[in-house]
Amino acid sequence: MLSAFSLAAQDLPADAPAYKPYKASFGILANPRVIGVQTEARFLEYFGVRLAATQVFDPHHRQNEFSGGGLGLLTYYVPLKNKRIEPVLGLGGVYSLYHWDTGSDRGNLSDLNVGGGVGVNLRFSSDFRVGFSVLAANGFVADYVEGSMRTVRRKLLVLPALTFDILL
């Protein structure tokens, strides 16, 4: 038989964790075809800027070919009562680079376009979080035209990624 005190203690709500606020973060993002580094600076409680640089591993690339990119997003963190969960929305610019090499000829294709993303971070402490993000960008498809590599059409690129961040 439980006493009245222990019954009352079971009804008390658990306190939400008190995480210290952070002004910056540094981390990695990855999926089976992409790895990158990212950094974030928060300039208001719910707004920040996220920058990332990525390297793409494409099985269709020839030897000495590579592609990568960079992005800069204005981010908004959706406020929730549960401080462990951080939903985030982002909108900004995406830079893409493709270095092609046929052995006899080579060059670079680059592109600057718009992109956006959504994600959710889970905070495990005041200093660490992990997350899942999906970035969408207006990308390009390259092919040989008139003896050289050219952009032949646009396509929607969707990049899901896991993220691991240290909060500063």
N, C-alpha and C. Protein backbone atom coordinates (compact mmCIF):
# COMPACT_ATOMS: atom_id res chain seq x y z
N MET A 1 0.83 -1.17 0.00
CA MET A 1 0.00 0.00 0.00
C MET A 1 0.88 1.24 0.00
N LEU A 2 0.59 2.20 -0.89
CA LEU A 2 1.38 3.41 -1.01
C LEU A 2 0.81 4.50 -0.11
N SER A 3 1.70 5.26 0.45
CA SER A 3 1.27 6.38 1.29
C SER A 3 0.76 7.52 0.41
N ALA A 4 0.07 8.44 1.00
CA ALA A 4 -0.47 9.59 0.27
C ALA A 4 0.67 10.44 -0.31
N PHE A 5 1.80 10.51 0.38
CA PHE A 5 2.95 11.29 -0.09
C PHE A 5 3.53 10.67 -1.37
N SER A 6 3.69 9.36 -1.41
CA SER A 6 4.26 8.72 -2.60
C SER A 6 3.29 8.78 -3.77
N LEU A 7 1.99 8.73 -3.52
CA LEU A 7 1.01 8.89 -4.60
C LEU A 7 1.07 10.29 -5.18
N ALA A 8 1.20 11.30 -4.34
CA ALA A 8 1.30 12.68 -4.80
C ALA A 8 2.59 12.89 -5.59
N ALA A 9 3.70 12.25 -5.19
CA ALA A 9 4.97 12.39 -5.88
C ALA A 9 4.90 11.80 -7.29
N GLN A 10 4.10 10.76 -7.48
CA GLN A 10 3.97 10.15 -8.80
C GLN A 10 3.22 11.06 -9.77
N ASP A 11 2.40 11.95 -9.27
CA ASP A 11 1.61 12.83 -10.12
C ASP A 11 2.34 14.11 -10.51
N LEU A 12 3.52 14.39 -9.92
CA LEU A 12 4.25 15.60 -10.25
C LEU A 12 4.83 15.49 -11.65
N PRO A 13 4.71 16.56 -12.46
CA PRO A 13 5.30 16.48 -13.80
C PRO A 13 6.82 16.54 -13.72
N ALA A 14 7.47 15.84 -14.61
CA ALA A 14 8.94 15.88 -14.66
C ALA A 14 9.37 17.21 -15.26
N ASP A 15 10.40 17.81 -14.67
CA ASP A 15 10.91 19.07 -15.19
C ASP A 15 11.60 18.84 -16.53
N ALA A 16 11.39 19.77 -17.43
CA ALA A 16 12.09 19.72 -18.71
C ALA A 16 13.56 20.05 -18.46
N PRO A 17 14.46 19.45 -19.23
CA PRO A 17 15.87 19.74 -19.01
C PRO A 17 16.17 21.21 -19.27
N ALA A 18 17.04 21.75 -18.45
CA ALA A 18 17.43 23.16 -18.59
C ALA A 18 18.74 23.23 -19.36
N TYR A 19 18.66 23.29 -20.69
CA TYR A 19 19.86 23.38 -21.51
C TYR A 19 20.30 24.83 -21.60
N LYS A 20 21.59 25.05 -21.53
CA LYS A 20 22.09 26.42 -21.67
C LYS A 20 21.95 26.82 -23.14
N PRO A 21 21.66 28.09 -23.39
CA PRO A 21 21.56 28.54 -24.79
C PRO A 21 22.94 28.52 -25.44
N TYR A 22 22.97 28.40 -26.76
CA TYR A 22 24.24 28.40 -27.48
C TYR A 22 24.19 29.44 -28.58
N LYS A 23 25.34 29.97 -28.95
CA LYS A 23 25.43 30.98 -30.00
C LYS A 23 25.99 30.43 -31.31
N ALA A 24 26.65 29.26 -31.24
CA ALA A 24 27.26 28.69 -32.44
C ALA A 24 27.32 27.17 -32.29
N SER A 25 27.48 26.51 -33.42
CA SER A 25 27.68 25.06 -33.43
C SER A 25 28.61 24.70 -34.57
N PHE A 26 29.23 23.54 -34.42
CA PHE A 26 30.11 23.01 -35.45
C PHE A 26 29.87 21.52 -35.51
N GLY A 27 29.76 20.97 -36.74
CA GLY A 27 29.48 19.54 -36.83
C GLY A 27 29.69 18.98 -38.21
N ILE A 28 29.18 17.75 -38.37
CA ILE A 28 29.27 17.06 -39.65
C ILE A 28 27.86 16.67 -40.11
N LEU A 29 27.74 16.47 -41.40
CA LEU A 29 26.51 15.94 -41.97
C LEU A 29 26.91 14.83 -42.92
N ALA A 30 26.09 13.79 -43.00
CA ALA A 30 26.47 12.65 -43.83
C ALA A 30 25.25 11.84 -44.24
N ASN A 31 25.38 11.20 -45.39
CA ASN A 31 24.49 10.14 -45.84
C ASN A 31 25.37 9.20 -46.66
N PRO A 32 24.87 8.13 -47.22
CA PRO A 32 25.76 7.19 -47.93
C PRO A 32 26.51 7.78 -49.12
N ARG A 33 26.07 8.90 -49.68
CA ARG A 33 26.75 9.49 -50.84
C ARG A 33 27.38 10.84 -50.58
N VAL A 34 27.16 11.42 -49.41
CA VAL A 34 27.65 12.78 -49.13
C VAL A 34 28.23 12.85 -47.73
N ILE A 35 29.32 13.60 -47.60
CA ILE A 35 29.84 13.93 -46.27
C ILE A 35 30.21 15.41 -46.30
N GLY A 36 30.04 16.06 -45.19
CA GLY A 36 30.34 17.48 -45.15
C GLY A 36 30.52 18.01 -43.74
N VAL A 37 30.93 19.25 -43.67
CA VAL A 37 31.05 19.95 -42.39
C VAL A 37 30.06 21.09 -42.41
N GLN A 38 29.57 21.45 -41.23
CA GLN A 38 28.62 22.56 -41.14
C GLN A 38 28.91 23.37 -39.90
N THR A 39 28.52 24.61 -39.97
CA THR A 39 28.62 25.50 -38.83
C THR A 39 27.38 26.38 -38.80
N GLU A 40 27.06 26.84 -37.63
CA GLU A 40 25.86 27.65 -37.46
C GLU A 40 26.16 28.77 -36.47
N ALA A 41 25.60 29.92 -36.73
CA ALA A 41 25.66 31.05 -35.79
C ALA A 41 24.24 31.53 -35.56
N ARG A 42 23.86 31.66 -34.29
CA ARG A 42 22.52 32.16 -33.96
C ARG A 42 22.64 33.62 -33.57
N PHE A 43 21.85 34.45 -34.24
CA PHE A 43 21.91 35.88 -33.93
C PHE A 43 20.68 36.37 -33.20
N LEU A 44 19.63 35.61 -33.15
CA LEU A 44 18.45 35.86 -32.33
C LEU A 44 18.05 34.54 -31.69
N GLU A 45 17.11 34.57 -30.78
CA GLU A 45 16.74 33.34 -30.07
C GLU A 45 16.30 32.23 -31.02
N TYR A 46 15.53 32.58 -32.04
CA TYR A 46 15.00 31.55 -32.95
C TYR A 46 15.53 31.65 -34.37
N PHE A 47 16.47 32.55 -34.66
CA PHE A 47 17.00 32.72 -36.01
C PHE A 47 18.51 32.55 -36.01
N GLY A 48 19.00 32.02 -37.13
CA GLY A 48 20.44 31.84 -37.28
C GLY A 48 20.81 31.70 -38.73
N VAL A 49 22.11 31.48 -38.95
CA VAL A 49 22.66 31.26 -40.29
C VAL A 49 23.44 29.96 -40.24
N ARG A 50 23.20 29.09 -41.21
CA ARG A 50 23.92 27.82 -41.29
C ARG A 50 24.71 27.78 -42.59
N LEU A 51 25.98 27.39 -42.50
CA LEU A 51 26.85 27.22 -43.65
C LEU A 51 27.34 25.78 -43.67
N ALA A 52 27.42 25.20 -44.86
CA ALA A 52 27.90 23.82 -44.98
C ALA A 52 28.70 23.67 -46.27
N ALA A 53 29.68 22.79 -46.23
CA ALA A 53 30.47 22.41 -47.40
C ALA A 53 30.41 20.89 -47.51
N THR A 54 30.16 20.38 -48.71
CA THR A 54 29.96 18.94 -48.88
C THR A 54 30.82 18.38 -50.00
N GLN A 55 31.11 17.10 -49.90
CA GLN A 55 31.78 16.33 -50.94
C GLN A 55 30.83 15.19 -51.31
N VAL A 56 30.57 15.03 -52.62
CA VAL A 56 29.64 14.01 -53.10
C VAL A 56 30.45 12.83 -53.65
N PHE A 57 30.04 11.63 -53.28
CA PHE A 57 30.66 10.41 -53.78
C PHE A 57 29.67 9.73 -54.71
N ASP A 58 29.89 9.90 -56.01
CA ASP A 58 28.97 9.38 -57.02
C ASP A 58 29.63 8.20 -57.73
N PRO A 59 28.97 7.04 -57.74
CA PRO A 59 29.58 5.88 -58.41
C PRO A 59 29.71 6.06 -59.92
N HIS A 60 29.05 7.05 -60.51
CA HIS A 60 29.12 7.28 -61.95
C HIS A 60 30.28 8.19 -62.33
N HIS A 61 30.98 8.76 -61.36
CA HIS A 61 32.13 9.61 -61.67
C HIS A 61 33.28 8.77 -62.21
N ARG A 62 33.96 9.32 -63.21
CA ARG A 62 35.18 8.69 -63.70
C ARG A 62 36.32 9.02 -62.74
N GLN A 63 37.45 8.38 -62.98
CA GLN A 63 38.63 8.70 -62.19
C GLN A 63 38.98 10.18 -62.38
N ASN A 64 39.35 10.85 -61.34
CA ASN A 64 39.70 12.28 -61.31
C ASN A 64 38.49 13.21 -61.44
N GLU A 65 37.27 12.68 -61.42
CA GLU A 65 36.08 13.53 -61.40
C GLU A 65 35.55 13.62 -59.97
N PHE A 66 34.98 14.76 -59.63
CA PHE A 66 34.41 14.92 -58.30
C PHE A 66 33.35 16.01 -58.35
N SER A 67 32.50 16.00 -57.34
CA SER A 67 31.51 17.06 -57.20
C SER A 67 31.33 17.38 -55.73
N GLY A 68 30.92 18.57 -55.48
CA GLY A 68 30.71 19.03 -54.12
C GLY A 68 29.83 20.27 -54.14
N GLY A 69 29.68 20.85 -52.99
CA GLY A 69 28.83 22.02 -52.94
C GLY A 69 28.94 22.75 -51.61
N GLY A 70 28.25 23.83 -51.57
CA GLY A 70 28.18 24.62 -50.36
C GLY A 70 26.79 25.22 -50.24
N LEU A 71 26.40 25.50 -49.03
CA LEU A 71 25.10 26.14 -48.86
C LEU A 71 25.15 27.14 -47.72
N GLY A 72 24.35 28.13 -47.85
CA GLY A 72 24.15 29.14 -46.82
C GLY A 72 22.66 29.32 -46.62
N LEU A 73 22.19 29.02 -45.42
CA LEU A 73 20.76 29.07 -45.16
C LEU A 73 20.45 30.00 -43.99
N LEU A 74 19.44 30.82 -44.16
CA LEU A 74 18.84 31.54 -43.05
C LEU A 74 17.92 30.54 -42.38
N THR A 75 18.11 30.29 -41.08
CA THR A 75 17.36 29.25 -40.40
C THR A 75 16.43 29.82 -39.34
N TYR A 76 15.32 29.14 -39.17
CA TYR A 76 14.34 29.48 -38.13
C TYR A 76 14.09 28.24 -37.31
N TYR A 77 14.30 28.34 -36.00
CA TYR A 77 14.04 27.23 -35.08
C TYR A 77 12.64 27.40 -34.50
N VAL A 78 11.79 26.45 -34.79
CA VAL A 78 10.40 26.48 -34.33
C VAL A 78 10.40 26.24 -32.81
N PRO A 79 9.88 27.19 -32.03
CA PRO A 79 9.91 27.00 -30.57
C PRO A 79 8.89 25.95 -30.11
N LEU A 80 9.34 25.07 -29.22
CA LEU A 80 8.50 24.05 -28.62
C LEU A 80 8.68 24.10 -27.11
N LYS A 81 7.71 23.57 -26.37
CA LYS A 81 7.85 23.47 -24.92
C LYS A 81 8.93 22.45 -24.56
N ASN A 82 9.03 21.39 -25.33
CA ASN A 82 10.04 20.37 -25.10
C ASN A 82 11.37 20.86 -25.67
N LYS A 83 12.32 21.21 -24.83
CA LYS A 83 13.59 21.78 -25.26
C LYS A 83 14.55 20.75 -25.83
N ARG A 84 14.22 19.46 -25.74
CA ARG A 84 15.06 18.42 -26.34
C ARG A 84 14.91 18.38 -27.86
N ILE A 85 13.77 18.82 -28.35
CA ILE A 85 13.46 18.74 -29.78
C ILE A 85 13.54 20.13 -30.39
N GLU A 86 14.31 20.27 -31.49
CA GLU A 86 14.47 21.54 -32.19
C GLU A 86 14.09 21.38 -33.66
N PRO A 87 12.85 21.63 -34.03
CA PRO A 87 12.51 21.64 -35.47
C PRO A 87 13.12 22.88 -36.12
N VAL A 88 13.59 22.74 -37.35
CA VAL A 88 14.24 23.87 -38.02
C VAL A 88 13.80 23.94 -39.48
N LEU A 89 13.66 25.16 -39.97
CA LEU A 89 13.35 25.46 -41.36
C LEU A 89 14.47 26.35 -41.90
N GLY A 90 14.84 26.16 -43.15
CA GLY A 90 15.91 26.98 -43.72
C GLY A 90 15.64 27.34 -45.17
N LEU A 91 16.15 28.49 -45.58
CA LEU A 91 16.03 28.95 -46.96
C LEU A 91 17.27 29.75 -47.30
N GLY A 92 17.83 29.50 -48.49
CA GLY A 92 19.03 30.25 -48.86
C GLY A 92 19.59 29.83 -50.19
N GLY A 93 20.90 30.00 -50.31
CA GLY A 93 21.60 29.74 -51.56
C GLY A 93 22.38 28.44 -51.51
N VAL A 94 22.50 27.80 -52.70
CA VAL A 94 23.23 26.55 -52.84
C VAL A 94 24.22 26.70 -53.99
N TYR A 95 25.49 26.39 -53.72
CA TYR A 95 26.53 26.40 -54.75
C TYR A 95 26.90 24.96 -55.06
N SER A 96 26.95 24.62 -56.35
CA SER A 96 27.32 23.27 -56.79
C SER A 96 28.53 23.35 -57.70
N LEU A 97 29.44 22.39 -57.57
CA LEU A 97 30.63 22.30 -58.41
C LEU A 97 30.77 20.86 -58.91
N TYR A 98 31.01 20.72 -60.20
CA TYR A 98 31.27 19.41 -60.79
C TYR A 98 32.54 19.52 -61.62
N HIS A 99 33.57 18.79 -61.23
CA HIS A 99 34.81 18.73 -62.01
C HIS A 99 34.77 17.48 -62.86
N TRP A 100 34.84 17.66 -64.18
CA TRP A 100 34.78 16.52 -65.09
C TRP A 100 36.14 16.33 -65.74
N ASP A 101 36.43 15.07 -66.11
CA ASP A 101 37.73 14.73 -66.68
C ASP A 101 37.56 13.51 -67.58
N THR A 102 37.74 13.68 -68.88
CA THR A 102 37.63 12.56 -69.82
C THR A 102 38.99 11.97 -70.15
N GLY A 103 40.04 12.49 -69.57
CA GLY A 103 41.39 12.05 -69.90
C GLY A 103 42.03 12.98 -70.90
N SER A 104 41.32 13.32 -71.96
CA SER A 104 41.86 14.24 -72.96
C SER A 104 41.36 15.67 -72.75
N ASP A 105 40.30 15.82 -72.01
CA ASP A 105 39.72 17.14 -71.77
C ASP A 105 39.13 17.16 -70.36
N ARG A 106 39.16 18.31 -69.73
CA ARG A 106 38.59 18.45 -68.39
C ARG A 106 38.16 19.88 -68.16
N GLY A 107 37.35 20.05 -67.13
CA GLY A 107 36.88 21.39 -66.79
C GLY A 107 35.97 21.35 -65.57
N ASN A 108 35.40 22.50 -65.26
CA ASN A 108 34.52 22.64 -64.10
C ASN A 108 33.19 23.23 -64.53
N LEU A 109 32.13 22.73 -63.97
CA LEU A 109 30.80 23.33 -64.09
C LEU A 109 30.40 23.77 -62.69
N SER A 110 29.94 24.99 -62.58
CA SER A 110 29.46 25.45 -61.27
C SER A 110 28.10 26.11 -61.43
N ASP A 111 27.39 26.18 -60.33
CA ASP A 111 26.03 26.67 -60.37
C ASP A 111 25.71 27.31 -59.03
N LEU A 112 25.01 28.39 -59.06
CA LEU A 112 24.52 29.04 -57.85
C LEU A 112 23.01 29.14 -57.97
N ASN A 113 22.30 28.59 -56.97
CA ASN A 113 20.85 28.53 -57.07
C ASN A 113 20.22 28.64 -55.69
N VAL A 114 18.92 28.47 -55.64
CA VAL A 114 18.18 28.57 -54.38
C VAL A 114 17.88 27.18 -53.83
N GLY A 115 17.81 27.10 -52.51
CA GLY A 115 17.49 25.83 -51.86
C GLY A 115 16.83 26.07 -50.52
N GLY A 116 16.33 25.04 -49.95
CA GLY A 116 15.71 25.13 -48.64
C GLY A 116 15.73 23.78 -47.97
N GLY A 117 15.37 23.78 -46.71
CA GLY A 117 15.39 22.51 -46.01
C GLY A 117 14.54 22.52 -44.75
N VAL A 118 14.30 21.33 -44.26
CA VAL A 118 13.60 21.12 -43.00
C VAL A 118 14.38 20.07 -42.23
N GLY A 119 14.23 20.11 -40.93
CA GLY A 119 14.92 19.11 -40.13
C GLY A 119 14.45 19.15 -38.70
N VAL A 120 14.98 18.22 -37.94
CA VAL A 120 14.71 18.18 -36.51
C VAL A 120 15.99 17.74 -35.81
N ASN A 121 16.33 18.44 -34.75
CA ASN A 121 17.49 18.11 -33.93
C ASN A 121 17.01 17.59 -32.59
N LEU A 122 17.76 16.66 -32.03
CA LEU A 122 17.50 16.15 -30.69
C LEU A 122 18.69 16.52 -29.83
N ARG A 123 18.43 17.29 -28.77
CA ARG A 123 19.51 17.69 -27.87
C ARG A 123 19.65 16.65 -26.77
N PHE A 124 20.88 16.20 -26.58
CA PHE A 124 21.17 15.23 -25.53
C PHE A 124 21.83 15.87 -24.32
N SER A 125 22.36 17.07 -24.50
CA SER A 125 22.98 17.79 -23.40
C SER A 125 23.09 19.25 -23.83
N SER A 126 23.68 20.07 -22.98
CA SER A 126 23.89 21.48 -23.34
C SER A 126 24.95 21.63 -24.42
N ASP A 127 25.73 20.56 -24.68
CA ASP A 127 26.86 20.66 -25.59
C ASP A 127 26.77 19.80 -26.85
N PHE A 128 25.72 19.00 -27.01
CA PHE A 128 25.68 18.04 -28.11
C PHE A 128 24.25 17.84 -28.60
N ARG A 129 24.11 17.69 -29.93
CA ARG A 129 22.83 17.35 -30.53
C ARG A 129 23.06 16.51 -31.78
N VAL A 130 22.06 15.73 -32.15
CA VAL A 130 22.05 15.00 -33.41
C VAL A 130 20.76 15.38 -34.13
N GLY A 131 20.74 15.21 -35.42
CA GLY A 131 19.54 15.59 -36.15
C GLY A 131 19.39 14.87 -37.46
N PHE A 132 18.26 15.12 -38.09
CA PHE A 132 17.95 14.61 -39.41
C PHE A 132 17.45 15.79 -40.22
N SER A 133 18.05 16.02 -41.38
CA SER A 133 17.68 17.15 -42.23
C SER A 133 17.43 16.67 -43.65
N VAL A 134 16.57 17.39 -44.35
CA VAL A 134 16.34 17.15 -45.78
C VAL A 134 16.46 18.50 -46.48
N LEU A 135 17.44 18.59 -47.38
CA LEU A 135 17.66 19.79 -48.17
C LEU A 135 17.13 19.55 -49.57
N ALA A 136 16.45 20.53 -50.12
CA ALA A 136 15.98 20.47 -51.51
C ALA A 136 16.57 21.66 -52.25
N ALA A 137 17.09 21.41 -53.45
CA ALA A 137 17.72 22.47 -54.23
C ALA A 137 17.39 22.30 -55.71
N ASN A 138 17.44 23.40 -56.43
CA ASN A 138 17.24 23.40 -57.87
C ASN A 138 18.58 23.09 -58.52
N GLY A 139 18.88 21.80 -58.73
CA GLY A 139 20.18 21.38 -59.23
C GLY A 139 20.23 21.31 -60.74
N PHE A 140 21.34 20.75 -61.23
CA PHE A 140 21.50 20.64 -62.68
C PHE A 140 21.99 19.24 -63.06
N VAL A 141 21.78 18.90 -64.33
CA VAL A 141 22.27 17.66 -64.91
C VAL A 141 23.24 18.05 -66.01
N ALA A 142 24.42 17.42 -66.00
CA ALA A 142 25.46 17.74 -66.99
C ALA A 142 25.61 16.59 -67.97
N ASP A 143 25.97 16.94 -69.22
CA ASP A 143 26.24 15.93 -70.24
C ASP A 143 27.13 16.57 -71.30
N TYR A 144 27.67 15.74 -72.19
CA TYR A 144 28.52 16.24 -73.26
C TYR A 144 27.69 16.85 -74.37
N VAL A 145 28.01 18.08 -74.73
CA VAL A 145 27.34 18.79 -75.82
C VAL A 145 28.43 19.50 -76.61
N GLU A 146 28.48 19.23 -77.92
CA GLU A 146 29.46 19.87 -78.81
C GLU A 146 30.89 19.70 -78.29
N GLY A 147 31.22 18.49 -77.82
CA GLY A 147 32.57 18.18 -77.41
C GLY A 147 32.98 18.67 -76.04
N SER A 148 32.06 19.20 -75.27
CA SER A 148 32.40 19.69 -73.93
C SER A 148 31.24 19.40 -72.98
N MET A 149 31.53 19.42 -71.70
CA MET A 149 30.50 19.18 -70.69
C MET A 149 29.70 20.46 -70.49
N ARG A 150 28.37 20.31 -70.50
CA ARG A 150 27.47 21.45 -70.34
C ARG A 150 26.30 21.07 -69.44
N THR A 151 25.66 22.07 -68.90
CA THR A 151 24.40 21.87 -68.17
C THR A 151 23.32 21.67 -69.22
N VAL A 152 22.62 20.54 -69.13
CA VAL A 152 21.60 20.24 -70.14
C VAL A 152 20.18 20.44 -69.63
N ARG A 153 19.99 20.33 -68.31
CA ARG A 153 18.64 20.57 -67.77
C ARG A 153 18.74 20.76 -66.26
N ARG A 154 17.65 21.21 -65.68
CA ARG A 154 17.53 21.40 -64.24
C ARG A 154 16.78 20.23 -63.63
N LYS A 155 17.07 19.92 -62.37
CA LYS A 155 16.28 18.90 -61.69
C LYS A 155 16.30 19.19 -60.19
N LEU A 156 15.26 18.73 -59.54
CA LEU A 156 15.15 18.89 -58.10
C LEU A 156 16.08 17.89 -57.42
N LEU A 157 16.98 18.39 -56.61
CA LEU A 157 17.87 17.54 -55.82
C LEU A 157 17.35 17.48 -54.40
N VAL A 158 17.26 16.29 -53.85
CA VAL A 158 16.80 16.10 -52.47
C VAL A 158 17.92 15.37 -51.74
N LEU A 159 18.39 15.99 -50.66
CA LEU A 159 19.52 15.44 -49.91
C LEU A 159 19.14 15.22 -48.46
N PRO A 160 18.79 13.98 -48.08
CA PRO A 160 18.57 13.70 -46.66
C PRO A 160 19.94 13.47 -46.01
N ALA A 161 20.08 13.88 -44.75
CA ALA A 161 21.37 13.71 -44.07
C ALA A 161 21.18 13.65 -42.56
N LEU A 162 22.04 12.89 -41.94
CA LEU A 162 22.15 12.88 -40.49
C LEU A 162 23.17 13.94 -40.10
N THR A 163 22.93 14.61 -38.98
CA THR A 163 23.86 15.64 -38.53
C THR A 163 24.27 15.38 -37.08
N PHE A 164 25.50 15.74 -36.78
CA PHE A 164 26.06 15.63 -35.44
C PHE A 164 26.75 16.95 -35.13
N ASP A 165 26.32 17.64 -34.09
CA ASP A 165 26.83 18.98 -33.80
C ASP A 165 27.32 19.11 -32.37
N ILE A 166 28.39 19.85 -32.20
CA ILE A 166 28.87 20.29 -30.90
C ILE A 166 28.41 21.73 -30.75
N LEU A 167 27.77 22.03 -29.63
CA LEU A 167 27.22 23.36 -29.40
C LEU A 167 28.22 24.20 -28.62
N LEU A 168 28.47 25.40 -29.10
CA LEU A 168 29.45 26.29 -28.49
C LEU A 168 28.79 27.50 -27.85
